[in-house]
Amino acid sequence: MTTPEEPRVRCTQCDRKLETASVTIGYMESSFQVDLLRCPKCGQVFIPEDLALGKMAEVEKQLEDK
């Protein structure tokens, strides 16, 4: 899994710089460990648009087709 680029994104709730962290994403009784940007204080995860509309959409479609 590739690591996201160094962010210029801040948490809107905590106003802290997001950090790369390993998070678990769940969908249809499946879970996946991925490195994403997350707020170190509140844990809110940032999913970039290209990931949400690209790779994640492909995985969702594959899981739904099963």
Protein backbone atom coordinates (compact mmCIF):
# COMPACT_ATOMS: atom_id res chain seq x y z
CA MET A 1 0.00 0.00 0.00
CA THR A 2 1.36 3.42 -0.87
CA THR A 3 1.64 6.20 1.66
CA PRO A 4 -0.27 9.42 0.92
CA GLU A 5 1.73 12.53 0.07
CA GLU A 6 2.65 14.85 2.93
CA PRO A 7 -0.61 16.65 3.66
CA ARG A 8 -1.46 20.29 3.78
CA VAL A 9 -4.76 19.25 5.25
CA ARG A 10 -5.87 20.13 8.75
CA CYS A 11 -8.67 18.72 10.86
CA THR A 12 -11.60 21.12 10.73
CA GLN A 13 -12.68 20.12 14.24
CA CYS A 14 -9.31 20.20 16.04
CA ASP A 15 -7.26 22.44 13.70
CA ARG A 16 -4.36 19.98 13.81
CA LYS A 17 -2.20 18.75 10.94
CA LEU A 18 -3.26 15.30 9.74
CA GLU A 19 -0.73 12.48 10.04
CA THR A 20 -0.36 9.24 8.10
CA ALA A 21 -1.70 6.32 10.13
CA SER A 22 -2.79 2.74 9.57
CA VAL A 23 -6.59 2.57 9.71
CA THR A 24 -9.12 -0.20 9.22
CA ILE A 25 -11.80 0.31 6.58
CA GLY A 26 -14.83 -1.95 6.69
CA TYR A 27 -17.35 -2.69 3.95
CA MET A 28 -19.86 -5.52 3.59
CA GLU A 29 -18.37 -7.73 6.31
CA SER A 30 -14.84 -7.24 4.96
CA SER A 31 -12.11 -5.11 6.48
CA PHE A 32 -8.88 -3.72 5.06
CA GLN A 33 -5.84 -2.06 6.66
CA VAL A 34 -4.72 1.03 4.73
CA ASP A 35 -2.48 4.02 5.38
CA LEU A 36 -4.52 7.22 5.34
CA LEU A 37 -4.37 10.69 6.83
CA ARG A 38 -5.88 10.92 10.31
CA CYS A 39 -6.20 13.58 12.98
CA PRO A 40 -3.91 12.67 15.89
CA LYS A 41 -6.34 14.20 18.38
CA CYS A 42 -9.88 13.12 17.38
CA GLY A 43 -9.07 10.29 14.94
CA GLN A 44 -11.09 11.70 12.02
CA VAL A 45 -9.85 10.09 8.77
CA PHE A 46 -9.37 11.96 5.48
CA ILE A 47 -10.02 9.93 2.33
CA PRO A 48 -8.77 11.75 -0.79
CA GLU A 49 -11.24 12.09 -3.65
CA ASP A 50 -9.10 10.10 -6.08
CA LEU A 51 -8.98 7.16 -3.68
CA ALA A 52 -12.72 7.32 -2.90
CA LEU A 53 -13.76 7.50 -6.55
CA GLY A 54 -11.02 5.22 -7.86
CA LYS A 55 -9.64 2.27 -5.95
CA MET A 56 -12.28 2.20 -3.20
CA ALA A 57 -15.11 2.32 -5.75
CA GLU A 58 -13.52 -0.63 -7.60
CA VAL A 59 -13.25 -2.68 -4.40
CA GLU A 60 -16.87 -1.88 -3.47
CA LYS A 61 -18.07 -3.05 -6.89
CA GLN A 62 -16.07 -6.29 -6.64
CA LEU A 63 -17.46 -7.02 -3.16
CA GLU A 64 -21.02 -6.28 -4.24
CA ASP A 65 -20.69 -8.60 -7.26
CA LYS A 66 -19.80 -11.56 -5.01
